[in-house]
């Protein structure tokens, strides 16, 4: 019966390790989700800033020359 008890303890230890691993992976997924949300907001902000910058640039013929010309 001792072998059965040892196997049962081994299984319990393996299960415990798997549960800890699942918890660690879940924490990592949550952090990555937050990182992705932040990067999406930043990307949207930068895209809008670039779009606004492109609309505010005048064509070369409309630009006034610098004072040293």
N, C-alpha and C. Protein backbone atom coordinates (compact mmCIF):
# COMPACT_ATOMS: atom_id res chain seq x y z
N UNK A 1 0.81 -1.19 0.00
CA UNK A 1 0.00 0.00 0.00
C UNK A 1 0.86 1.26 0.00
N UNK A 2 2.12 1.13 0.43
CA UNK A 2 3.00 2.29 0.51
C UNK A 2 3.27 2.87 -0.88
N UNK A 3 3.44 2.00 -1.89
CA UNK A 3 3.68 2.49 -3.24
C UNK A 3 2.50 3.32 -3.73
N UNK A 4 1.32 2.92 -3.43
CA UNK A 4 0.12 3.65 -3.83
C UNK A 4 0.10 5.03 -3.17
N UNK A 5 0.46 5.10 -1.90
CA UNK A 5 0.52 6.38 -1.19
C UNK A 5 1.58 7.30 -1.79
N UNK A 6 2.73 6.73 -2.17
CA UNK A 6 3.79 7.53 -2.79
C UNK A 6 3.34 8.07 -4.14
N UNK A 7 2.68 7.23 -4.92
CA UNK A 7 2.18 7.68 -6.22
C UNK A 7 1.13 8.77 -6.04
N UNK A 8 0.27 8.60 -5.05
CA UNK A 8 -0.76 9.60 -4.77
C UNK A 8 -0.11 10.93 -4.40
N UNK A 9 0.94 10.89 -3.57
CA UNK A 9 1.65 12.11 -3.17
C UNK A 9 2.34 12.74 -4.38
N UNK A 10 2.91 11.92 -5.24
CA UNK A 10 3.55 12.44 -6.46
C UNK A 10 2.54 13.14 -7.36
N UNK A 11 1.37 12.52 -7.47
CA UNK A 11 0.31 13.12 -8.28
C UNK A 11 -0.15 14.44 -7.66
N UNK A 12 -0.31 14.47 -6.36
CA UNK A 12 -0.72 15.70 -5.68
C UNK A 12 0.33 16.80 -5.88
N UNK A 13 1.62 16.44 -5.78
CA UNK A 13 2.68 17.44 -5.99
C UNK A 13 2.66 17.96 -7.43
N UNK A 14 2.48 17.05 -8.37
CA UNK A 14 2.44 17.45 -9.78
C UNK A 14 1.24 18.37 -10.02
N UNK A 15 0.10 18.03 -9.45
CA UNK A 15 -1.10 18.86 -9.58
C UNK A 15 -0.88 20.23 -8.96
N UNK A 16 -0.25 20.27 -7.81
CA UNK A 16 0.05 21.53 -7.15
C UNK A 16 0.96 22.41 -8.02
N UNK A 17 1.97 21.78 -8.62
CA UNK A 17 2.88 22.52 -9.50
C UNK A 17 2.14 23.05 -10.73
N UNK A 18 1.25 22.24 -11.29
CA UNK A 18 0.47 22.67 -12.45
C UNK A 18 -0.46 23.82 -12.09
N UNK A 19 -1.09 23.75 -10.92
CA UNK A 19 -1.97 24.84 -10.48
C UNK A 19 -1.18 26.14 -10.33
N UNK A 20 0.02 26.06 -9.75
CA UNK A 20 0.86 27.25 -9.60
C UNK A 20 1.26 27.80 -10.97
N UNK A 21 1.58 26.89 -11.89
CA UNK A 21 1.97 27.31 -13.23
C UNK A 21 0.80 28.01 -13.94
N UNK A 22 -0.40 27.46 -13.79
CA UNK A 22 -1.58 28.07 -14.40
C UNK A 22 -1.81 29.47 -13.80
N UNK A 23 -1.66 29.61 -12.50
CA UNK A 23 -1.82 30.92 -11.86
C UNK A 23 -0.78 31.90 -12.38
N UNK A 24 0.47 31.44 -12.52
CA UNK A 24 1.53 32.31 -13.04
C UNK A 24 1.24 32.73 -14.47
N UNK A 25 0.80 31.79 -15.30
CA UNK A 25 0.47 32.11 -16.68
C UNK A 25 -0.72 33.07 -16.76
N UNK A 26 -1.69 32.88 -15.89
CA UNK A 26 -2.85 33.77 -15.86
C UNK A 26 -2.41 35.20 -15.52
N UNK A 27 -1.52 35.32 -14.52
CA UNK A 27 -1.01 36.65 -14.16
C UNK A 27 -0.27 37.29 -15.34
N UNK A 28 0.50 36.48 -16.06
CA UNK A 28 1.23 36.99 -17.21
C UNK A 28 0.28 37.46 -18.31
N UNK A 29 -0.77 36.69 -18.54
CA UNK A 29 -1.76 37.06 -19.56
C UNK A 29 -2.45 38.36 -19.18
N UNK A 30 -2.78 38.53 -17.91
CA UNK A 30 -3.42 39.77 -17.45
C UNK A 30 -2.49 40.96 -17.68
N UNK A 31 -1.20 40.80 -17.32
CA UNK A 31 -0.22 41.88 -17.53
C UNK A 31 -0.08 42.19 -19.01
N UNK A 32 -0.01 41.17 -19.84
CA UNK A 32 0.13 41.38 -21.28
C UNK A 32 -1.12 42.06 -21.86
N UNK A 33 -2.28 41.71 -21.34
CA UNK A 33 -3.51 42.38 -21.79
C UNK A 33 -3.47 43.86 -21.47
N UNK A 34 -2.99 44.20 -20.29
CA UNK A 34 -2.86 45.62 -19.92
C UNK A 34 -1.83 46.31 -20.80
N UNK A 35 -0.72 45.62 -21.08
CA UNK A 35 0.31 46.20 -21.95
C UNK A 35 -0.25 46.43 -23.35
N UNK A 36 -1.00 45.46 -23.87
CA UNK A 36 -1.59 45.59 -25.20
C UNK A 36 -2.57 46.76 -25.24
N UNK A 37 -3.40 46.89 -24.21
CA UNK A 37 -4.35 48.01 -24.16
C UNK A 37 -3.61 49.34 -24.16
N UNK A 38 -2.53 49.44 -23.38
CA UNK A 38 -1.74 50.66 -23.34
C UNK A 38 -1.13 50.95 -24.71
N UNK A 39 -0.57 49.94 -25.35
CA UNK A 39 0.07 50.13 -26.65
C UNK A 39 -0.95 50.50 -27.72
N UNK A 40 -2.16 49.95 -27.63
CA UNK A 40 -3.20 50.32 -28.58
C UNK A 40 -3.58 51.78 -28.43
N UNK A 41 -3.71 52.24 -27.18
CA UNK A 41 -4.02 53.66 -26.94
C UNK A 41 -2.89 54.55 -27.45
N UNK A 42 -1.66 54.14 -27.17
CA UNK A 42 -0.51 54.92 -27.61
C UNK A 42 -0.45 54.95 -29.15
N UNK A 43 -0.70 53.82 -29.77
CA UNK A 43 -0.70 53.76 -31.23
C UNK A 43 -1.78 54.66 -31.82
N UNK A 44 -2.95 54.64 -31.23
CA UNK A 44 -4.04 55.51 -31.69
C UNK A 44 -3.64 56.98 -31.54
N UNK A 45 -3.07 57.34 -30.40
CA UNK A 45 -2.64 58.72 -30.16
C UNK A 45 -1.59 59.14 -31.19
N UNK A 46 -0.59 58.29 -31.42
CA UNK A 46 0.47 58.62 -32.36
C UNK A 46 -0.04 58.69 -33.80
N UNK A 47 -0.98 57.81 -34.14
CA UNK A 47 -1.57 57.84 -35.47
C UNK A 47 -2.33 59.15 -35.69
N UNK A 48 -3.09 59.56 -34.68
CA UNK A 48 -3.82 60.83 -34.79
C UNK A 48 -2.85 62.01 -34.86
N UNK A 49 -1.79 61.98 -34.06
CA UNK A 49 -0.81 63.06 -34.09
C UNK A 49 -0.15 63.14 -35.46
N UNK A 50 0.18 62.01 -36.04
CA UNK A 50 0.78 61.99 -37.37
C UNK A 50 -0.20 62.49 -38.42
N UNK A 51 -1.44 62.06 -38.32
CA UNK A 51 -2.45 62.52 -39.27
C UNK A 51 -2.63 64.03 -39.17
N UNK A 52 -2.65 64.57 -37.96
CA UNK A 52 -2.79 66.02 -37.78
C UNK A 52 -1.55 66.75 -38.28
N UNK A 53 -0.38 66.18 -38.09
CA UNK A 53 0.85 66.81 -38.55
C UNK A 53 0.89 66.85 -40.07
N UNK A 54 0.41 65.82 -40.72
CA UNK A 54 0.42 65.78 -42.18
C UNK A 54 -0.54 66.80 -42.77
N UNK A 55 -1.64 67.04 -42.11
CA UNK A 55 -2.60 68.01 -42.64
C UNK A 55 -2.15 69.44 -42.39
N UNK A 56 -1.23 69.65 -41.46
CA UNK A 56 -0.79 71.01 -41.17
C UNK A 56 0.46 71.40 -41.96
N UNK A 57 1.04 70.47 -42.72
CA UNK A 57 2.22 70.78 -43.53
C UNK A 57 1.75 71.37 -44.85
N UNK A 58 2.30 72.53 -45.19
CA UNK A 58 1.94 73.20 -46.44
C UNK A 58 2.76 72.61 -47.58
N UNK A 59 2.21 72.66 -48.79
CA UNK A 59 3.01 72.27 -49.94
C UNK A 59 4.23 73.20 -50.06
N UNK A 60 5.28 72.73 -50.71
CA UNK A 60 6.54 73.48 -50.77
C UNK A 60 6.36 74.86 -51.42
N UNK A 61 5.51 74.94 -52.44
CA UNK A 61 5.33 76.23 -53.12
C UNK A 61 4.59 77.26 -52.25
N UNK A 62 3.88 76.79 -51.22
CA UNK A 62 3.18 77.71 -50.32
C UNK A 62 4.04 78.13 -49.13
N UNK A 63 5.13 77.46 -48.91
CA UNK A 63 6.01 77.78 -47.78
C UNK A 63 6.75 79.09 -48.06
N UNK A 64 6.86 79.90 -47.05
CA UNK A 64 7.67 81.11 -47.18
C UNK A 64 9.13 80.74 -46.99
N UNK A 65 10.02 81.30 -47.81
CA UNK A 65 11.43 80.94 -47.66
C UNK A 65 11.99 81.45 -46.34
N UNK A 66 12.99 80.80 -45.82
CA UNK A 66 13.59 81.24 -44.57
C UNK A 66 14.27 82.60 -44.77
N UNK A 67 14.51 83.34 -43.70
CA UNK A 67 15.03 84.72 -43.81
C UNK A 67 16.39 84.81 -44.48
N UNK A 68 17.19 83.80 -44.50
CA UNK A 68 18.54 83.91 -45.06
C UNK A 68 18.56 83.82 -46.59
N UNK A 69 17.41 83.71 -47.25
CA UNK A 69 17.36 83.67 -48.72
C UNK A 69 17.32 85.05 -49.29
